[in-house]
Amino acid sequence: MFAGTVDDPFYIDLGAAFDSLNFRMGVGGVLSAARDADDTNNYAPDAVAGFNVNAIVLEVPTTMLTADGEVHPAGDKNAVIGTYGATSRRRITIRRHSGKVDSEGQWRQVNREGNSLINELIIGTA
């Protein structure tokens, strides 16, 4: 287990994650067929380089993550791990001239995400 602040460990070209045109401004626009086929060079920028994240990381055996305790091949629907996350904040936030910040009221959900891009971009659902 690890908990702490780290440099964002994920390399992702956010601008092209769902871009089927292979558009890369760093190389002048849309990649040519030859550059697109070039598997020896990386033309994508790391959009999250230099940013820190707070992480809680657990390493557990795969068999603890499936309902039947078995390891399944990637194309099997039982191999997909579902995730859900939510962010909440207090209903009222007061920012004072002194720099002090007060929060009051009930907690309100401001964001939620289920089965985030890990499945679509990295694992790939069958």
N, C-alpha and C. Protein backbone atom coordinates (compact mmCIF):
# COMPACT_ATOMS: atom_id res chain seq x y z
N MET A 1 0.84 -1.18 0.00
CA MET A 1 0.00 0.00 0.00
C MET A 1 0.88 1.24 0.00
N PHE A 2 0.42 2.27 -0.66
CA PHE A 2 1.11 3.56 -0.67
C PHE A 2 0.06 4.65 -0.63
N ALA A 3 0.32 5.70 0.12
CA ALA A 3 -0.54 6.88 0.12
C ALA A 3 0.35 8.11 0.15
N GLY A 4 0.13 9.06 -0.74
CA GLY A 4 0.93 10.27 -0.75
C GLY A 4 0.80 11.03 -2.05
N THR A 5 1.59 12.09 -2.18
CA THR A 5 1.59 12.92 -3.37
C THR A 5 2.73 12.47 -4.29
N VAL A 6 2.42 12.28 -5.55
CA VAL A 6 3.40 11.82 -6.53
C VAL A 6 3.22 12.58 -7.84
N ASP A 7 4.26 12.55 -8.67
CA ASP A 7 4.14 13.08 -10.03
C ASP A 7 3.13 12.20 -10.76
N ASP A 8 2.22 12.78 -11.51
CA ASP A 8 1.19 12.00 -12.17
C ASP A 8 1.85 10.89 -13.00
N PRO A 9 1.55 9.62 -12.69
CA PRO A 9 2.24 8.51 -13.34
C PRO A 9 1.67 8.12 -14.69
N PHE A 10 0.57 8.75 -15.11
CA PHE A 10 -0.07 8.32 -16.34
C PHE A 10 0.37 9.19 -17.51
N TYR A 11 0.82 8.55 -18.56
CA TYR A 11 1.18 9.24 -19.78
C TYR A 11 -0.03 9.19 -20.69
N ILE A 12 -0.57 10.34 -21.01
CA ILE A 12 -1.73 10.35 -21.90
C ILE A 12 -1.68 11.59 -22.79
N ASP A 13 -1.99 11.38 -24.01
CA ASP A 13 -2.15 12.46 -24.97
C ASP A 13 -3.62 12.84 -24.96
N LEU A 14 -4.00 13.73 -24.05
CA LEU A 14 -5.41 14.06 -23.86
C LEU A 14 -6.07 14.59 -25.12
N GLY A 15 -5.33 15.35 -25.90
CA GLY A 15 -5.91 15.94 -27.10
C GLY A 15 -6.26 14.92 -28.16
N ALA A 16 -5.69 13.75 -28.10
CA ALA A 16 -5.92 12.75 -29.14
C ALA A 16 -6.52 11.46 -28.60
N ALA A 17 -6.94 11.45 -27.35
CA ALA A 17 -7.46 10.22 -26.76
C ALA A 17 -8.59 9.62 -27.58
N PHE A 18 -9.46 10.46 -28.11
CA PHE A 18 -10.56 9.97 -28.94
C PHE A 18 -10.51 10.57 -30.34
N ASP A 19 -9.35 11.00 -30.78
CA ASP A 19 -9.19 11.66 -32.07
C ASP A 19 -8.78 10.65 -33.13
N SER A 20 -9.67 10.30 -34.00
CA SER A 20 -9.35 9.32 -35.04
C SER A 20 -8.58 9.93 -36.20
N LEU A 21 -8.39 11.26 -36.20
CA LEU A 21 -7.64 11.91 -37.28
C LEU A 21 -6.14 11.99 -37.01
N ASN A 22 -5.70 11.59 -35.80
CA ASN A 22 -4.28 11.65 -35.43
C ASN A 22 -3.73 13.07 -35.54
N PHE A 23 -4.46 14.04 -35.05
CA PHE A 23 -4.06 15.44 -35.12
C PHE A 23 -3.02 15.75 -34.05
N ARG A 24 -1.83 16.23 -34.45
CA ARG A 24 -0.74 16.56 -33.53
C ARG A 24 -0.13 17.89 -33.95
N MET A 25 -0.41 18.95 -33.18
CA MET A 25 0.13 20.27 -33.52
C MET A 25 1.65 20.30 -33.43
N GLY A 26 2.24 19.47 -32.56
CA GLY A 26 3.69 19.46 -32.41
C GLY A 26 4.43 19.05 -33.66
N VAL A 27 3.75 18.37 -34.58
CA VAL A 27 4.38 17.95 -35.83
C VAL A 27 3.67 18.54 -37.03
N GLY A 28 2.91 19.61 -36.82
CA GLY A 28 2.34 20.35 -37.93
C GLY A 28 0.93 19.98 -38.32
N GLY A 29 0.20 19.29 -37.48
CA GLY A 29 -1.20 18.99 -37.80
C GLY A 29 -1.47 17.51 -37.87
N VAL A 30 -2.23 17.09 -38.88
CA VAL A 30 -2.60 15.68 -39.02
C VAL A 30 -1.37 14.87 -39.41
N LEU A 31 -1.18 13.74 -38.73
CA LEU A 31 -0.04 12.89 -39.06
C LEU A 31 -0.18 12.30 -40.45
N SER A 32 0.93 12.25 -41.17
CA SER A 32 0.92 11.60 -42.48
C SER A 32 0.80 10.09 -42.25
N ALA A 33 0.48 9.35 -43.30
CA ALA A 33 0.35 7.89 -43.18
C ALA A 33 1.66 7.27 -42.70
N ALA A 34 2.80 7.80 -43.17
CA ALA A 34 4.10 7.26 -42.78
C ALA A 34 4.37 7.51 -41.30
N ARG A 35 4.09 8.72 -40.82
CA ARG A 35 4.30 9.01 -39.39
C ARG A 35 3.32 8.23 -38.53
N ASP A 36 2.10 8.07 -38.99
CA ASP A 36 1.11 7.31 -38.23
C ASP A 36 1.53 5.85 -38.10
N ALA A 37 2.18 5.32 -39.11
CA ALA A 37 2.63 3.92 -39.10
C ALA A 37 3.95 3.74 -38.36
N ASP A 38 4.64 4.83 -38.03
CA ASP A 38 5.94 4.77 -37.36
C ASP A 38 5.76 4.40 -35.89
N ASP A 39 6.13 3.17 -35.54
CA ASP A 39 6.01 2.71 -34.16
C ASP A 39 7.30 2.88 -33.36
N THR A 40 8.29 3.55 -33.93
CA THR A 40 9.56 3.75 -33.22
C THR A 40 9.67 5.13 -32.59
N ASN A 41 8.82 6.08 -33.00
CA ASN A 41 8.85 7.43 -32.45
C ASN A 41 7.49 7.77 -31.85
N ASN A 42 7.52 8.57 -30.81
CA ASN A 42 6.29 9.01 -30.18
C ASN A 42 6.09 10.49 -30.48
N TYR A 43 5.01 10.81 -31.18
CA TYR A 43 4.72 12.19 -31.56
C TYR A 43 3.71 12.85 -30.61
N ALA A 44 3.28 12.12 -29.61
CA ALA A 44 2.25 12.62 -28.70
C ALA A 44 2.87 13.33 -27.50
N PRO A 45 2.31 14.47 -27.10
CA PRO A 45 2.78 15.14 -25.88
C PRO A 45 2.16 14.49 -24.64
N ASP A 46 2.90 14.50 -23.54
CA ASP A 46 2.37 14.02 -22.27
C ASP A 46 1.62 15.19 -21.63
N ALA A 47 0.31 15.20 -21.77
CA ALA A 47 -0.50 16.34 -21.34
C ALA A 47 -0.55 16.53 -19.83
N VAL A 48 -0.18 15.53 -19.05
CA VAL A 48 -0.24 15.66 -17.59
C VAL A 48 1.15 15.69 -16.96
N ALA A 49 2.19 15.85 -17.74
CA ALA A 49 3.55 15.90 -17.20
C ALA A 49 3.71 17.09 -16.27
N GLY A 50 4.37 16.87 -15.14
CA GLY A 50 4.66 17.95 -14.22
C GLY A 50 3.55 18.26 -13.24
N PHE A 51 2.45 17.54 -13.29
CA PHE A 51 1.36 17.74 -12.34
C PHE A 51 1.42 16.68 -11.26
N ASN A 52 1.08 17.05 -10.05
CA ASN A 52 1.06 16.12 -8.94
C ASN A 52 -0.35 15.63 -8.67
N VAL A 53 -0.44 14.43 -8.16
CA VAL A 53 -1.73 13.87 -7.75
C VAL A 53 -1.58 13.27 -6.36
N ASN A 54 -2.67 13.27 -5.62
CA ASN A 54 -2.70 12.55 -4.36
C ASN A 54 -3.21 11.15 -4.67
N ALA A 55 -2.46 10.16 -4.25
CA ALA A 55 -2.80 8.79 -4.62
C ALA A 55 -2.89 7.89 -3.40
N ILE A 56 -3.84 6.98 -3.45
CA ILE A 56 -3.91 5.86 -2.53
C ILE A 56 -3.84 4.63 -3.42
N VAL A 57 -2.80 3.86 -3.28
CA VAL A 57 -2.55 2.74 -4.17
C VAL A 57 -2.54 1.44 -3.38
N LEU A 58 -3.32 0.49 -3.84
CA LEU A 58 -3.34 -0.84 -3.24
C LEU A 58 -2.96 -1.85 -4.29
N GLU A 59 -2.09 -2.78 -3.95
CA GLU A 59 -1.75 -3.87 -4.85
C GLU A 59 -2.34 -5.14 -4.27
N VAL A 60 -3.26 -5.74 -5.02
CA VAL A 60 -3.93 -6.95 -4.55
C VAL A 60 -3.92 -7.98 -5.66
N PRO A 61 -3.99 -9.25 -5.31
CA PRO A 61 -4.04 -10.29 -6.35
C PRO A 61 -5.31 -10.15 -7.20
N THR A 62 -5.20 -10.43 -8.48
CA THR A 62 -6.33 -10.34 -9.39
C THR A 62 -7.49 -11.20 -8.92
N THR A 63 -7.20 -12.32 -8.32
CA THR A 63 -8.27 -13.22 -7.88
C THR A 63 -9.14 -12.59 -6.80
N MET A 64 -8.66 -11.56 -6.11
CA MET A 64 -9.47 -10.87 -5.10
C MET A 64 -10.42 -9.85 -5.73
N LEU A 65 -10.27 -9.60 -7.02
CA LEU A 65 -11.06 -8.57 -7.68
C LEU A 65 -12.20 -9.14 -8.52
N THR A 66 -12.28 -10.45 -8.65
CA THR A 66 -13.36 -11.05 -9.44
C THR A 66 -14.33 -11.77 -8.52
N ALA A 67 -15.58 -11.85 -8.97
CA ALA A 67 -16.62 -12.44 -8.14
C ALA A 67 -16.37 -13.93 -7.86
N ASP A 68 -15.76 -14.61 -8.83
CA ASP A 68 -15.55 -16.05 -8.66
C ASP A 68 -14.13 -16.41 -8.23
N GLY A 69 -13.27 -15.40 -8.02
CA GLY A 69 -11.91 -15.67 -7.57
C GLY A 69 -10.98 -16.23 -8.63
N GLU A 70 -11.39 -16.16 -9.88
CA GLU A 70 -10.59 -16.70 -10.99
C GLU A 70 -10.05 -15.56 -11.85
N VAL A 71 -8.95 -15.85 -12.56
CA VAL A 71 -8.39 -14.89 -13.52
C VAL A 71 -9.06 -15.15 -14.87
N HIS A 72 -9.54 -14.09 -15.52
CA HIS A 72 -10.25 -14.22 -16.79
C HIS A 72 -9.46 -13.53 -17.90
N PRO A 73 -9.54 -14.03 -19.14
CA PRO A 73 -8.87 -13.36 -20.26
C PRO A 73 -9.49 -11.98 -20.51
N ALA A 74 -8.74 -11.09 -21.14
CA ALA A 74 -9.16 -9.70 -21.32
C ALA A 74 -10.49 -9.55 -22.04
N GLY A 75 -10.82 -10.42 -22.97
CA GLY A 75 -12.06 -10.32 -23.72
C GLY A 75 -13.29 -10.80 -22.97
N ASP A 76 -13.08 -11.43 -21.82
CA ASP A 76 -14.18 -11.97 -21.02
C ASP A 76 -14.84 -10.84 -20.24
N LYS A 77 -16.19 -10.81 -20.24
CA LYS A 77 -16.90 -9.75 -19.52
C LYS A 77 -16.60 -9.77 -18.03
N ASN A 78 -16.19 -10.90 -17.49
CA ASN A 78 -15.86 -10.99 -16.07
C ASN A 78 -14.50 -10.37 -15.74
N ALA A 79 -13.72 -9.99 -16.74
CA ALA A 79 -12.41 -9.39 -16.52
C ALA A 79 -12.48 -7.89 -16.30
N VAL A 80 -13.62 -7.26 -16.61
CA VAL A 80 -13.77 -5.82 -16.49
C VAL A 80 -13.99 -5.44 -15.03
N ILE A 81 -13.18 -4.50 -14.53
CA ILE A 81 -13.31 -4.03 -13.16
C ILE A 81 -14.05 -2.71 -13.19
N GLY A 82 -15.15 -2.61 -12.49
CA GLY A 82 -15.93 -1.38 -12.46
C GLY A 82 -15.38 -0.43 -11.40
N THR A 83 -15.47 0.85 -11.67
CA THR A 83 -15.04 1.86 -10.70
C THR A 83 -16.12 2.91 -10.56
N TYR A 84 -16.12 3.58 -9.43
CA TYR A 84 -17.06 4.67 -9.21
C TYR A 84 -16.39 5.66 -8.26
N GLY A 85 -16.46 6.91 -8.59
CA GLY A 85 -15.90 7.94 -7.73
C GLY A 85 -16.83 9.13 -7.66
N ALA A 86 -16.79 9.83 -6.54
CA ALA A 86 -17.65 11.01 -6.38
C ALA A 86 -16.89 12.09 -5.63
N THR A 87 -17.17 13.34 -5.96
CA THR A 87 -16.59 14.49 -5.28
C THR A 87 -17.72 15.31 -4.69
N SER A 88 -17.56 15.68 -3.42
CA SER A 88 -18.58 16.49 -2.75
C SER A 88 -17.94 17.71 -2.11
N ARG A 89 -18.73 18.76 -1.90
CA ARG A 89 -18.27 19.95 -1.19
C ARG A 89 -19.43 20.49 -0.37
N ARG A 90 -19.09 21.35 0.58
CA ARG A 90 -20.14 21.98 1.38
C ARG A 90 -20.96 22.92 0.52
N ARG A 91 -22.21 23.13 0.88
CA ARG A 91 -23.13 23.96 0.08
C ARG A 91 -22.67 25.41 0.00
N ILE A 92 -22.09 25.94 1.07
CA ILE A 92 -21.68 27.35 1.11
C ILE A 92 -20.19 27.44 1.39
N THR A 93 -19.49 28.24 0.62
CA THR A 93 -18.08 28.52 0.86
C THR A 93 -17.92 30.03 0.98
N ILE A 94 -17.28 30.48 2.05
CA ILE A 94 -17.06 31.91 2.27
C ILE A 94 -15.56 32.17 2.22
N ARG A 95 -15.14 33.01 1.29
CA ARG A 95 -13.73 33.40 1.17
C ARG A 95 -13.59 34.81 1.73
N ARG A 96 -12.85 34.93 2.81
CA ARG A 96 -12.73 36.22 3.49
C ARG A 96 -11.50 36.98 2.98
N HIS A 97 -11.50 38.30 3.16
CA HIS A 97 -10.36 39.12 2.73
C HIS A 97 -9.07 38.69 3.41
N SER A 98 -9.17 38.16 4.60
CA SER A 98 -7.98 37.72 5.34
C SER A 98 -7.35 36.47 4.73
N GLY A 99 -8.05 35.84 3.79
CA GLY A 99 -7.55 34.61 3.19
C GLY A 99 -8.16 33.36 3.80
N LYS A 100 -8.86 33.54 4.89
CA LYS A 100 -9.51 32.42 5.55
C LYS A 100 -10.71 31.96 4.72
N VAL A 101 -10.89 30.64 4.66
CA VAL A 101 -12.01 30.07 3.92
C VAL A 101 -12.87 29.26 4.89
N ASP A 102 -14.15 29.55 4.94
CA ASP A 102 -15.09 28.82 5.78
C ASP A 102 -16.09 28.08 4.89
N SER A 103 -16.44 26.88 5.28
CA SER A 103 -17.46 26.11 4.56
C SER A 103 -18.57 25.73 5.52
N GLU A 104 -19.79 25.85 5.04
CA GLU A 104 -20.94 25.55 5.87
C GLU A 104 -21.98 24.79 5.06
N GLY A 105 -22.94 24.22 5.76
CA GLY A 105 -24.06 23.56 5.11
C GLY A 105 -23.83 22.10 4.83
N GLN A 106 -24.85 21.49 4.25
CA GLN A 106 -24.78 20.07 3.93
C GLN A 106 -23.79 19.83 2.80
N TRP A 107 -23.28 18.60 2.76
CA TRP A 107 -22.40 18.21 1.67
C TRP A 107 -23.24 17.97 0.41
N ARG A 108 -22.76 18.47 -0.73
CA ARG A 108 -23.42 18.31 -2.02
C ARG A 108 -22.48 17.64 -3.00
N GLN A 109 -23.00 16.68 -3.72
CA GLN A 109 -22.18 16.02 -4.73
C GLN A 109 -22.03 16.96 -5.93
N VAL A 110 -20.80 17.21 -6.36
CA VAL A 110 -20.56 18.11 -7.49
C VAL A 110 -20.02 17.38 -8.71
N ASN A 111 -19.60 16.13 -8.54
CA ASN A 111 -19.08 15.37 -9.66
C ASN A 111 -19.18 13.89 -9.33
N ARG A 112 -19.42 13.09 -10.35
CA ARG A 112 -19.38 11.64 -10.16
C ARG A 112 -18.93 11.01 -11.47
N GLU A 113 -18.32 9.88 -11.34
CA GLU A 113 -17.84 9.20 -12.53
C GLU A 113 -17.83 7.71 -12.27
N GLY A 114 -18.47 6.95 -13.14
CA GLY A 114 -18.47 5.50 -13.05
C GLY A 114 -17.79 4.91 -14.26
N ASN A 115 -17.02 3.87 -14.04
CA ASN A 115 -16.25 3.21 -15.12
C ASN A 115 -15.53 4.25 -15.97
N SER A 116 -14.59 4.89 -15.37
CA SER A 116 -13.86 5.97 -16.03
C SER A 116 -13.06 5.47 -17.23
N LEU A 117 -12.30 6.33 -17.84
CA LEU A 117 -11.60 6.03 -19.10
C LEU A 117 -10.62 4.88 -19.02
N ILE A 118 -10.31 4.39 -17.83
CA ILE A 118 -9.39 3.26 -17.73
C ILE A 118 -9.90 2.09 -18.58
N ASN A 119 -11.20 1.85 -18.55
CA ASN A 119 -11.74 0.74 -19.33
C ASN A 119 -11.72 1.03 -20.83
N GLU A 120 -12.11 2.23 -21.25
CA GLU A 120 -12.18 2.53 -22.67
C GLU A 120 -10.81 2.69 -23.31
N LEU A 121 -9.89 3.32 -22.61
CA LEU A 121 -8.59 3.62 -23.22
C LEU A 121 -7.51 2.57 -22.98
N ILE A 122 -7.52 1.94 -21.82
CA ILE A 122 -6.41 1.05 -21.49
C ILE A 122 -6.81 -0.42 -21.56
N ILE A 123 -7.89 -0.79 -20.91
CA ILE A 123 -8.28 -2.20 -20.86
C ILE A 123 -9.05 -2.58 -22.11
N GLY A 124 -10.02 -1.78 -22.47
CA GLY A 124 -10.84 -2.10 -23.64
C GLY A 124 -11.90 -3.11 -23.28
N THR A 125 -13.15 -2.73 -23.36
CA THR A 125 -14.22 -3.65 -23.02
C THR A 125 -14.60 -4.48 -24.23
N ALA A 126 -14.96 -5.71 -23.97
CA ALA A 126 -15.31 -6.63 -25.07
C ALA A 126 -16.65 -6.23 -25.66
